């Protein structure tokens, strides 16, 4: 591994580990997002506060914190470094050292990563998510389906190296959704909009 790849990994991790969901909810006076709903710092859990604007901002910033290091790494060190930065950002978001390695589930960060690595694959990921979310009303199922199919589209539209990177991100995303998977299997996973907002 060259020094450039190490730089890319560190850059990605540091950017990815910024907990925008936690910072924005605190700044908005909504308390600690980790004490709400699933305790997750991602946009889906932020939405459980009832503030859609903060949730939307979290989604955009989480996607951006993945895209930024990828674009920087590509500019300075090339495509391989960009893929490493993507992995670093994803791990930073899911396992931030500042929060005891308890972060988000990675959906927004995966969107940002895919759009930066290969925008057609990123758009397809979003399309699959939207189709499943609107038809099945389950955010977790939408994320899992989009993640499972993303490596296939990456291979078809790009190459095996991108497909391998995306597959790795998908594996981590599935791990972060392990509790959701159990609930999906038991048919107890709540649907979008069915969960009560905090009073």
Protein backbone atom coordinates (compact mmCIF):
# COMPACT_ATOMS: atom_id res chain seq x y z
CA UNK A 1 0.00 0.00 0.00
CA UNK A 2 1.44 3.35 -1.02
CA UNK A 3 1.43 6.45 1.14
CA UNK A 4 -1.22 7.99 -1.12
CA UNK A 5 -3.61 5.16 -0.31
CA UNK A 6 -3.02 5.68 3.40
CA UNK A 7 -3.75 9.38 2.98
CA UNK A 8 -6.95 8.54 1.11
CA UNK A 9 -8.10 6.11 3.80
CA UNK A 10 -7.42 8.60 6.61
CA UNK A 11 -9.08 11.44 4.72
CA UNK A 12 -12.13 9.31 4.04
CA UNK A 13 -12.41 8.11 7.62
CA UNK A 14 -12.07 11.58 9.14
CA UNK A 15 -14.68 13.07 6.81
CA UNK A 16 -17.01 10.11 7.21
CA UNK A 17 -16.83 10.15 10.99
CA UNK A 18 -18.31 13.64 11.33
CA UNK A 19 -21.68 12.91 13.07
CA UNK A 20 -23.88 15.44 11.31
CA UNK A 21 -27.09 13.86 12.60
CA UNK A 22 -25.94 14.30 16.19
CA UNK A 23 -24.58 17.81 15.64
CA UNK A 24 -27.65 19.11 13.78
CA UNK A 25 -30.20 17.71 16.23
CA UNK A 26 -28.31 19.17 19.16
CA UNK A 27 -27.98 22.54 17.42
CA UNK A 28 -31.74 22.51 16.73
CA UNK A 29 -32.50 21.83 20.39
CA UNK A 30 -33.85 18.35 19.70
CA UNK A 31 -31.62 16.62 22.24
CA UNK A 32 -29.29 13.69 21.74
CA UNK A 33 -30.39 11.69 18.68
CA UNK A 34 -28.81 8.61 20.24
CA UNK A 35 -31.59 8.65 22.86
CA UNK A 36 -34.33 8.70 20.22
CA UNK A 37 -35.80 5.81 18.24
CA UNK A 38 -33.12 3.36 17.18
CA UNK A 39 -30.35 5.48 18.69
CA UNK A 40 -28.81 5.78 15.24
CA UNK A 41 -27.19 9.04 14.09
CA UNK A 42 -28.40 8.74 10.49
CA UNK A 43 -31.09 10.64 8.59
CA UNK A 44 -33.78 7.99 9.06
CA UNK A 45 -33.57 8.23 12.84
CA UNK A 46 -33.29 12.01 12.72
CA UNK A 47 -36.64 11.97 10.90
CA UNK A 48 -38.14 10.39 14.02
CA UNK A 49 -37.68 13.73 15.78
CA UNK A 50 -40.42 15.04 13.52
CA UNK A 51 -38.15 17.65 11.92
CA UNK A 52 -38.00 16.86 8.21
CA UNK A 53 -35.66 19.75 7.42
CA UNK A 54 -33.03 18.53 9.87
CA UNK A 55 -33.42 14.99 8.51
CA UNK A 56 -33.00 16.22 4.94
CA UNK A 57 -29.95 18.25 5.92
CA UNK A 58 -28.47 15.20 7.64
CA UNK A 59 -28.99 13.10 4.52
CA UNK A 60 -27.37 15.69 2.25
CA UNK A 61 -24.42 16.31 4.57
CA UNK A 62 -23.85 12.59 5.17
CA UNK A 63 -23.82 12.01 1.42
CA UNK A 64 -21.52 14.98 0.97
CA UNK A 65 -19.03 13.86 3.60
CA UNK A 66 -18.51 10.70 1.55
CA UNK A 67 -18.38 12.39 -1.85
CA UNK A 68 -15.87 15.06 -0.79
CA UNK A 69 -12.93 12.80 0.17
CA UNK A 70 -13.58 10.62 -2.89
CA UNK A 71 -13.35 13.61 -5.22
CA UNK A 72 -10.25 14.93 -3.45
CA UNK A 73 -8.55 11.53 -3.51
CA UNK A 74 -9.34 11.06 -7.20
CA UNK A 75 -7.99 14.51 -8.07
CA UNK A 76 -4.69 14.06 -6.26
CA UNK A 77 -4.04 10.31 -6.26
CA UNK A 78 -6.24 8.61 -8.86
CA UNK A 79 -9.17 6.22 -9.09
CA UNK A 80 -7.78 3.53 -6.79
CA UNK A 81 -7.32 6.10 -4.05
CA UNK A 82 -10.88 7.32 -4.64
CA UNK A 83 -12.23 3.83 -3.98
CA UNK A 84 -10.16 3.56 -0.81
CA UNK A 85 -11.45 6.95 0.34
CA UNK A 86 -14.99 5.66 -0.20
CA UNK A 87 -14.33 2.67 2.04
CA UNK A 88 -12.71 4.93 4.64
CA UNK A 89 -15.67 7.33 4.65
CA UNK A 90 -18.14 4.47 4.99
CA UNK A 91 -16.26 2.95 7.91
CA UNK A 92 -15.89 6.38 9.50
CA UNK A 93 -19.64 6.93 9.38
CA UNK A 94 -20.56 3.47 10.65
CA UNK A 95 -17.79 3.21 13.25
CA UNK A 96 -16.71 6.74 14.32
CA UNK A 97 -13.99 6.67 16.94
CA UNK A 98 -15.44 9.81 18.57
CA UNK A 99 -18.71 8.02 19.38
CA UNK A 100 -17.30 4.74 20.63
CA UNK A 101 -17.50 3.24 17.12
CA UNK A 102 -21.31 3.45 17.17
CA UNK A 103 -22.42 5.39 14.12
CA UNK A 104 -24.98 5.30 11.35
CA UNK A 105 -26.15 2.49 9.11
CA UNK A 106 -24.56 3.89 5.97
CA UNK A 107 -27.38 4.51 3.49
CA UNK A 108 -26.78 8.23 2.94
CA UNK A 109 -23.03 7.70 2.85
CA UNK A 110 -23.43 4.92 0.30
CA UNK A 111 -25.50 7.24 -1.88
CA UNK A 112 -22.80 9.90 -1.73
CA UNK A 113 -20.06 7.35 -2.37
CA UNK A 114 -21.78 5.87 -5.40
CA UNK A 115 -22.63 9.24 -6.91
CA UNK A 116 -18.98 10.29 -6.60
CA UNK A 117 -17.52 6.98 -7.81
CA UNK A 118 -19.98 6.41 -10.66
CA UNK A 119 -23.01 8.67 -10.84
CA UNK A 120 -25.10 6.27 -12.99
CA UNK A 121 -24.72 3.57 -10.34
CA UNK A 122 -25.58 6.11 -7.66
CA UNK A 123 -28.74 7.15 -9.49
CA UNK A 124 -29.80 3.52 -9.94
CA UNK A 125 -29.24 2.93 -6.21
CA UNK A 126 -31.54 5.87 -5.44
CA UNK A 127 -34.14 4.63 -7.94
CA UNK A 128 -34.19 1.14 -6.45
CA UNK A 129 -34.47 2.60 -2.95
CA UNK A 130 -37.39 4.81 -3.96
CA UNK A 131 -39.24 2.01 -5.76
CA UNK A 132 -39.03 -0.36 -2.78
CA UNK A 133 -39.68 2.38 -0.23
CA UNK A 134 -42.85 3.55 -1.96
CA UNK A 135 -44.13 0.07 -2.80
CA UNK A 136 -43.30 -1.70 0.48
CA UNK A 137 -43.19 1.27 2.86
CA UNK A 138 -40.04 -0.04 4.55
CA UNK A 139 -36.88 2.05 4.63
CA UNK A 140 -34.66 -0.83 5.72
CA UNK A 141 -35.90 -3.17 3.00
CA UNK A 142 -35.37 -0.43 0.43
CA UNK A 143 -31.80 0.12 1.62
CA UNK A 144 -30.98 -3.58 1.70
CA UNK A 145 -32.41 -4.18 -1.78
CA UNK A 146 -30.58 -1.19 -3.25
CA UNK A 147 -27.31 -2.26 -1.61
CA UNK A 148 -27.67 -5.87 -2.76
CA UNK A 149 -28.19 -4.88 -6.39
CA UNK A 150 -25.63 -2.05 -6.50
CA UNK A 151 -22.57 -4.30 -7.07
CA UNK A 152 -24.33 -5.86 -10.08
CA UNK A 153 -24.95 -2.48 -11.66
CA UNK A 154 -21.41 -1.36 -10.78
CA UNK A 155 -19.99 -4.37 -12.62
CA UNK A 156 -22.27 -3.87 -15.62
CA UNK A 157 -21.70 -0.13 -15.93
CA UNK A 158 -18.10 0.18 -14.73
CA UNK A 159 -15.70 -2.64 -13.85
CA UNK A 160 -14.93 -5.37 -11.36
CA UNK A 161 -12.91 -3.03 -9.16
CA UNK A 162 -15.84 -0.73 -8.55
CA UNK A 163 -18.11 -3.75 -8.14
CA UNK A 164 -15.80 -5.13 -5.46
CA UNK A 165 -15.70 -1.81 -3.63
CA UNK A 166 -19.48 -1.49 -3.73
CA UNK A 167 -19.88 -5.10 -2.58
CA UNK A 168 -17.70 -4.36 0.45
CA UNK A 169 -19.82 -1.32 1.31
CA UNK A 170 -22.95 -3.44 0.89
CA UNK A 171 -21.63 -6.09 3.29
CA UNK A 172 -21.01 -3.45 5.97
CA UNK A 173 -24.44 -1.93 5.32
CA UNK A 174 -26.06 -5.35 5.77
CA UNK A 175 -24.14 -5.79 9.03
CA UNK A 176 -25.37 -2.42 10.27
CA UNK A 177 -28.92 -3.47 9.41
CA UNK A 178 -28.69 -6.85 11.15
CA UNK A 179 -31.43 -6.00 13.65
CA UNK A 180 -33.67 -4.78 10.84
CA UNK A 181 -33.07 -8.03 8.96
CA UNK A 182 -34.25 -10.03 11.98
CA UNK A 183 -37.39 -7.90 12.20
CA UNK A 184 -38.01 -8.26 8.46
CA UNK A 185 -37.77 -12.04 8.79
CA UNK A 186 -40.16 -11.95 11.74
CA UNK A 187 -42.47 -9.53 9.92
CA UNK A 188 -42.21 -7.04 12.77
CA UNK A 189 -40.29 -4.30 10.94
CA UNK A 190 -42.26 -1.02 11.22
CA UNK A 191 -43.33 0.68 8.01
CA UNK A 192 -42.44 4.21 7.03
CA UNK A 193 -44.67 6.64 8.89
CA UNK A 194 -45.98 4.06 11.34
CA UNK A 195 -43.66 5.00 14.19
CA UNK A 196 -44.84 7.62 16.64
CA UNK A 197 -42.89 10.83 16.91
CA UNK A 198 -41.48 11.74 20.30
CA UNK A 199 -43.77 13.99 22.33
